[in-house]
Structure formats: structure tokens, C-alpha cells
Amino acid sequence: MTKKKYNISVEATLEVIGGKWKCVILCHLTHGKKRTSDLKRLMPGITQKMLTQQLRELEDDGIVNRITYNQVPPKVEYELTEYGLSLDSILSALCNWGEEHIIRIYGDKYSMLEDSVLNK
């Protein structure tokens, strides 16, 4: 592993969970194991290629576990690792800030958020 110097520690955080989709994937996984098809259904805007790439990166960083079941047809699920679970307070803070931002800009979060288990 190459040593890298960061200007500020938040860069290290964003290197792992930054981008459009990783936090969304992680929020869904805080509600339990998910198959790739479950995540794709919950995030209709993501391509299969991008979902696979993001899951691999999160797995490489030790944030998610990929569980392969030895059965036919093959079954794969993803879950947060113990290390991944340590992101819970960060993810909650991001969701809370986003809700407040939506209310500030649009007045009503329910008209702006999809009907989802994450938006209850």
C-alpha cells in the first residue's frame, strides 16, 4: 500500500464513501443484507455496472462483506462489516442534514422524497 498524505482527514472519509452512490448503498445496507437485485430495485437510477463497481470498492475497503451461497442458482448478498457499521452516525447525520435542506428549500420533505423505507 502506497503511503498517502491528506490535507485534511475528511479527504480519507470521502475517498472511501464519496461519490453519488456509495452512501446510498450504505444506507440501504444499514437495514440488513441485500442482494444485488434488491439494491438495483431500491436505486433505479444506478446502472448494473456502476452498482457492481461501487460494491467491489466498498468490499475492497472493508466496508461491506460479499456473501456467496453455494447453491443453484448462485446467490450473493451484501452486508455491512463491523467496520462499515461504524459509519452509521455519519450516514444518519447526512440523512438528517439532507431532510433539513429539503424542508428549507422546498418546505415539504414528503413531496420531494420517494416512498421508501429510508424516508420514514
Protein backbone atom coordinates (compact mmCIF):
# COMPACT_ATOMS: atom_id res chain seq x y z
CA MET A 1 0.00 0.00 0.00
CA THR A 2 1.39 3.37 -1.02
CA LYS A 3 1.57 5.97 1.71
CA LYS A 4 -0.59 8.97 1.01
CA LYS A 5 -0.71 12.31 2.78
CA TYR A 6 -4.06 14.01 3.19
CA ASN A 7 -4.51 17.75 3.58
CA ILE A 8 -7.44 17.14 5.93
CA SER A 9 -8.85 13.91 7.36
CA VAL A 10 -12.26 14.30 5.68
CA GLU A 11 -10.45 13.51 2.41
CA ALA A 12 -9.83 9.98 3.71
CA THR A 13 -13.51 9.59 4.52
CA LEU A 14 -14.62 10.85 1.12
CA GLU A 15 -12.10 8.59 -0.60
CA VAL A 16 -14.00 5.62 0.85
CA ILE A 17 -17.66 6.77 0.85
CA GLY A 18 -17.62 9.68 -1.60
CA GLY A 19 -19.45 9.85 -4.88
CA LYS A 20 -23.08 9.71 -5.87
CA TRP A 21 -23.93 6.14 -4.90
CA LYS A 22 -21.80 4.76 -2.06
CA CYS A 23 -23.67 6.48 0.79
CA VAL A 24 -27.00 5.43 -0.74
CA ILE A 25 -25.81 1.80 -0.92
CA LEU A 26 -24.58 2.00 2.66
CA CYS A 27 -27.86 3.49 3.91
CA HIS A 28 -29.77 0.59 2.36
CA LEU A 29 -27.37 -1.92 3.91
CA THR A 30 -27.91 -0.41 7.38
CA HIS A 31 -31.34 -2.08 7.12
CA GLY A 32 -29.83 -5.53 6.64
CA LYS A 33 -28.40 -7.83 3.99
CA LYS A 34 -29.35 -7.13 0.39
CA ARG A 35 -28.92 -8.96 -2.87
CA THR A 36 -27.63 -7.05 -5.87
CA SER A 37 -31.10 -7.19 -7.41
CA ASP A 38 -32.60 -5.69 -4.21
CA LEU A 39 -30.15 -2.78 -4.33
CA LYS A 40 -30.82 -2.25 -8.05
CA ARG A 41 -34.57 -2.12 -7.38
CA LEU A 42 -34.09 0.31 -4.48
CA MET A 43 -31.85 2.54 -6.62
CA PRO A 44 -33.41 2.59 -10.09
CA GLY A 45 -31.07 5.37 -11.28
CA ILE A 46 -27.89 3.31 -10.91
CA THR A 47 -26.59 1.12 -13.72
CA GLN A 48 -25.71 -2.50 -13.04
CA LYS A 49 -22.09 -1.78 -13.97
CA MET A 50 -21.86 1.15 -11.52
CA LEU A 51 -23.56 -0.83 -8.72
CA THR A 52 -21.10 -3.70 -9.17
CA GLN A 53 -18.14 -1.31 -9.25
CA GLN A 54 -19.25 0.56 -6.11
CA LEU A 55 -19.90 -2.70 -4.21
CA ARG A 56 -16.45 -4.01 -5.17
CA GLU A 57 -14.78 -0.79 -3.98
CA LEU A 58 -16.69 -0.89 -0.68
CA GLU A 59 -15.70 -4.54 -0.28
CA ASP A 60 -12.03 -3.74 -1.04
CA ASP A 61 -12.15 -1.01 1.64
CA GLY A 62 -13.54 -3.46 4.21
CA ILE A 63 -16.90 -1.66 4.47
CA VAL A 64 -19.12 -4.45 3.08
CA ASN A 65 -18.98 -8.24 3.06
CA ARG A 66 -19.91 -10.18 -0.04
CA ILE A 67 -21.58 -13.43 0.99
CA THR A 68 -21.74 -16.16 -1.66
CA TYR A 69 -24.09 -19.09 -1.05
CA ASN A 70 -23.14 -22.42 -2.60
CA GLN A 71 -26.41 -23.18 -4.33
CA VAL A 72 -28.01 -23.29 -7.76
CA PRO A 73 -28.82 -20.72 -8.95
CA PRO A 74 -25.99 -18.85 -7.22
CA LYS A 75 -27.00 -16.40 -4.52
CA VAL A 76 -24.92 -13.40 -3.41
CA GLU A 77 -25.77 -10.97 -0.63
CA TYR A 78 -24.03 -7.90 0.73
CA GLU A 79 -23.92 -6.72 4.33
CA LEU A 80 -22.05 -4.11 6.30
CA THR A 81 -18.93 -5.28 8.10
CA GLU A 82 -18.34 -4.25 11.70
CA TYR A 83 -16.08 -1.53 10.28
CA GLY A 84 -18.88 -0.49 7.90
CA LEU A 85 -21.31 -0.28 10.80
CA SER A 86 -19.05 2.37 12.34
CA LEU A 87 -20.28 4.71 9.56
CA ASP A 88 -23.83 4.68 10.98
CA SER A 89 -23.58 8.03 12.78
CA ILE A 90 -22.07 9.68 9.67
CA LEU A 91 -24.83 8.30 7.44
CA SER A 92 -27.53 9.36 9.91
CA ALA A 93 -26.07 12.86 10.10
CA LEU A 94 -26.02 13.11 6.28
CA CYS A 95 -29.66 11.97 6.07
CA ASN A 96 -30.76 14.40 8.79
CA TRP A 97 -28.97 17.30 7.12
CA GLY A 98 -30.49 16.35 3.76
CA GLU A 99 -34.00 16.32 5.25
CA GLU A 100 -33.49 19.75 6.78
CA HIS A 101 -32.11 21.04 3.50
CA ILE A 102 -35.12 19.71 1.56
CA ILE A 103 -37.50 21.32 4.06
CA ARG A 104 -35.59 24.62 3.89
CA ILE A 105 -35.64 24.72 0.10
CA TYR A 106 -38.97 23.05 -0.72
CA GLY A 107 -40.96 23.33 2.51
CA ASP A 108 -42.19 19.74 2.49
CA LYS A 109 -39.89 16.74 2.52
CA TYR A 110 -42.64 14.22 1.73
CA SER A 111 -43.41 15.76 -1.65
CA MET A 112 -39.69 15.65 -2.54
CA LEU A 113 -38.72 12.17 -1.27
CA GLU A 114 -39.59 8.85 -2.86
CA ASP A 115 -41.74 6.46 -0.86
CA SER A 116 -39.00 4.31 0.66
CA VAL A 117 -38.20 2.56 3.92
CA LEU A 118 -35.31 5.01 4.27
CA ASN A 119 -37.67 8.01 4.20
CA LYS A 120 -40.00 7.03 7.04
